[in-house]
Amino acid sequence: MPDRQSIRATLIELLEADTGENHQDLDDSVNLREGLGLDSVDVVSIVSQIERRFRIRLTQQELEKLATVTDVLDLLESKLTAGPETSAA
């Protein structure tokens, strides 16, 4: 099971691949849309990559709550520590 730092590293890798920008110094409190300039298509793309990479499913309700990098990390960490029975929707 990945720890928070490896989850964060994977998220940064996916963000960089999607946006073409360097996010190594990404602050966890930054807003995904305003701070990173992600539109809904970017968010969907990154979420689908996250789901494939970590082999989890995120519900629409969970996605609607994601506003900051911290929100994404908290959700992924809780999904991954919960185990496969709660990760697959």
C-alpha atoms as a PDB file:
ATOM      1  CA  MET A   1       0.000   0.000   0.000  1.00  0.00           C
ATOM      2  CA  PRO A   2       1.485   3.352  -1.021  1.00  0.00           C
ATOM      3  CA  ASP A   3       2.134   5.973   1.644  1.00  0.00           C
ATOM      4  CA  ARG A   4       1.066   9.611   1.366  1.00  0.00           C
ATOM      5  CA  GLN A   5       4.400  10.707  -0.122  1.00  0.00           C
ATOM      6  CA  SER A   6       4.282   8.132  -2.904  1.00  0.00           C
ATOM      7  CA  ILE A   7       0.626   8.994  -3.587  1.00  0.00           C
ATOM      8  CA  ARG A   8       1.644  12.657  -3.786  1.00  0.00           C
ATOM      9  CA  ALA A   9       4.555  11.838  -6.124  1.00  0.00           C
ATOM     10  CA  THR A  10       2.214   9.899  -8.424  1.00  0.00           C
ATOM     11  CA  LEU A  11      -0.323  12.751  -8.398  1.00  0.00           C
ATOM     12  CA  ILE A  12       2.415  15.244  -9.311  1.00  0.00           C
ATOM     13  CA  GLU A  13       3.623  12.941 -12.095  1.00  0.00           C
ATOM     14  CA  LEU A  14       0.094  12.734 -13.529  1.00  0.00           C
ATOM     15  CA  LEU A  15      -0.452  16.500 -13.230  1.00  0.00           C
ATOM     16  CA  GLU A  16       2.836  17.216 -14.997  1.00  0.00           C
ATOM     17  CA  ALA A  17       2.038  14.768 -17.787  1.00  0.00           C
ATOM     18  CA  ASP A  18      -1.421  16.280 -18.246  1.00  0.00           C
ATOM     19  CA  THR A  19      -0.502  19.970 -18.039  1.00  0.00           C
ATOM     20  CA  GLY A  20       3.074  19.907 -19.342  1.00  0.00           C
ATOM     21  CA  GLU A  21       4.125  22.066 -16.388  1.00  0.00           C
ATOM     22  CA  ASN A  22       6.496  21.372 -13.487  1.00  0.00           C
ATOM     23  CA  HIS A  23       4.640  20.847 -10.197  1.00  0.00           C
ATOM     24  CA  GLN A  24       7.490  19.587  -7.980  1.00  0.00           C
ATOM     25  CA  ASP A  25       7.006  22.485  -5.540  1.00  0.00           C
ATOM     26  CA  LEU A  26       3.234  22.003  -5.434  1.00  0.00           C
ATOM     27  CA  ASP A  27       1.614  23.287  -2.259  1.00  0.00           C
ATOM     28  CA  ASP A  28      -0.995  20.856  -0.932  1.00  0.00           C
ATOM     29  CA  SER A  29      -3.422  23.708  -0.204  1.00  0.00           C
ATOM     30  CA  VAL A  30      -3.534  24.863  -3.841  1.00  0.00           C
ATOM     31  CA  ASN A  31      -6.939  24.755  -5.512  1.00  0.00           C
ATOM     32  CA  LEU A  32      -7.121  22.353  -8.433  1.00  0.00           C
ATOM     33  CA  ARG A  33      -9.107  24.657 -10.694  1.00  0.00           C
ATOM     34  CA  GLU A  34      -8.000  28.171  -9.745  1.00  0.00           C
ATOM     35  CA  GLY A  35      -4.495  27.371  -8.482  1.00  0.00           C
ATOM     36  CA  LEU A  36      -3.519  24.888 -11.168  1.00  0.00           C
ATOM     37  CA  GLY A  37      -5.788  26.189 -13.895  1.00  0.00           C
ATOM     38  CA  LEU A  38      -7.397  22.798 -14.454  1.00  0.00           C
ATOM     39  CA  ASP A  39     -10.702  22.708 -16.270  1.00  0.00           C
ATOM     40  CA  SER A  40     -13.273  19.935 -15.923  1.00  0.00           C
ATOM     41  CA  VAL A  41     -11.729  17.957 -18.801  1.00  0.00           C
ATOM     42  CA  ASP A  42      -8.299  18.073 -17.101  1.00  0.00           C
ATOM     43  CA  VAL A  43      -9.788  16.918 -13.795  1.00  0.00           C
ATOM     44  CA  VAL A  44     -11.640  14.019 -15.463  1.00  0.00           C
ATOM     45  CA  SER A  45      -8.457  12.998 -17.298  1.00  0.00           C
ATOM     46  CA  ILE A  46      -6.356  13.044 -14.140  1.00  0.00           C
ATOM     47  CA  VAL A  47      -9.018  11.218 -12.119  1.00  0.00           C
ATOM     48  CA  SER A  48      -9.293   8.457 -14.715  1.00  0.00           C
ATOM     49  CA  GLN A  49      -5.500   8.082 -14.688  1.00  0.00           C
ATOM     50  CA  ILE A  50      -5.542   7.950 -10.877  1.00  0.00           C
ATOM     51  CA  GLU A  51      -8.223   5.258 -10.966  1.00  0.00           C
ATOM     52  CA  ARG A  52      -6.169   3.153 -13.395  1.00  0.00           C
ATOM     53  CA  ARG A  53      -2.869   3.685 -11.591  1.00  0.00           C
ATOM     54  CA  PHE A  54      -4.212   2.826  -8.128  1.00  0.00           C
ATOM     55  CA  ARG A  55      -6.913   0.388  -9.308  1.00  0.00           C
ATOM     56  CA  ILE A  56      -9.681   2.179  -7.435  1.00  0.00           C
ATOM     57  CA  ARG A  57     -13.020   3.739  -8.317  1.00  0.00           C
ATOM     58  CA  LEU A  58     -14.046   7.216  -7.198  1.00  0.00           C
ATOM     59  CA  THR A  59     -17.728   8.023  -6.939  1.00  0.00           C
ATOM     60  CA  GLN A  60     -19.325  11.177  -8.309  1.00  0.00           C
ATOM     61  CA  GLN A  61     -19.980  12.317  -4.721  1.00  0.00           C
ATOM     62  CA  GLU A  62     -16.290  11.914  -3.865  1.00  0.00           C
ATOM     63  CA  LEU A  63     -15.215  13.787  -6.986  1.00  0.00           C
ATOM     64  CA  GLU A  64     -17.505  16.718  -6.198  1.00  0.00           C
ATOM     65  CA  LYS A  65     -15.697  17.222  -2.869  1.00  0.00           C
ATOM     66  CA  LEU A  66     -12.251  17.546  -4.464  1.00  0.00           C
ATOM     67  CA  ALA A  67     -11.138  21.160  -4.425  1.00  0.00           C
ATOM     68  CA  THR A  68      -7.500  21.122  -3.310  1.00  0.00           C
ATOM     69  CA  VAL A  69      -4.472  18.854  -3.625  1.00  0.00           C
ATOM     70  CA  THR A  70      -4.975  17.945   0.053  1.00  0.00           C
ATOM     71  CA  ASP A  71      -8.532  16.797  -0.727  1.00  0.00           C
ATOM     72  CA  VAL A  72      -7.213  14.484  -3.450  1.00  0.00           C
ATOM     73  CA  LEU A  73      -4.445  13.097  -1.224  1.00  0.00           C
ATOM     74  CA  ASP A  74      -6.823  12.531   1.703  1.00  0.00           C
ATOM     75  CA  LEU A  75      -9.333  10.727  -0.506  1.00  0.00           C
ATOM     76  CA  LEU A  76      -6.726   8.527  -2.168  1.00  0.00           C
ATOM     77  CA  GLU A  77      -5.071   7.713   1.140  1.00  0.00           C
ATOM     78  CA  SER A  78      -8.398   6.698   2.713  1.00  0.00           C
ATOM     79  CA  LYS A  79      -9.396   4.634  -0.346  1.00  0.00           C
ATOM     80  CA  LEU A  80      -6.079   2.826  -0.484  1.00  0.00           C
ATOM     81  CA  THR A  81      -5.932   2.076   3.249  1.00  0.00           C
ATOM     82  CA  ALA A  82      -9.554   0.898   3.274  1.00  0.00           C
ATOM     83  CA  GLY A  83      -8.746  -2.012   0.995  1.00  0.00           C
ATOM     84  CA  PRO A  84     -10.306  -3.358  -2.178  1.00  0.00           C
ATOM     85  CA  GLU A  85     -13.767  -3.968  -0.740  1.00  0.00           C
ATOM     86  CA  THR A  86     -14.418  -0.235  -0.408  1.00  0.00           C
ATOM     87  CA  SER A  87     -12.265   0.906  -3.318  1.00  0.00           C
ATOM     88  CA  ALA A  88     -14.337  -0.750  -6.026  1.00  0.00           C
ATOM     89  CA  ALA A  89     -17.699   0.866  -6.501  1.00  0.00           C
END
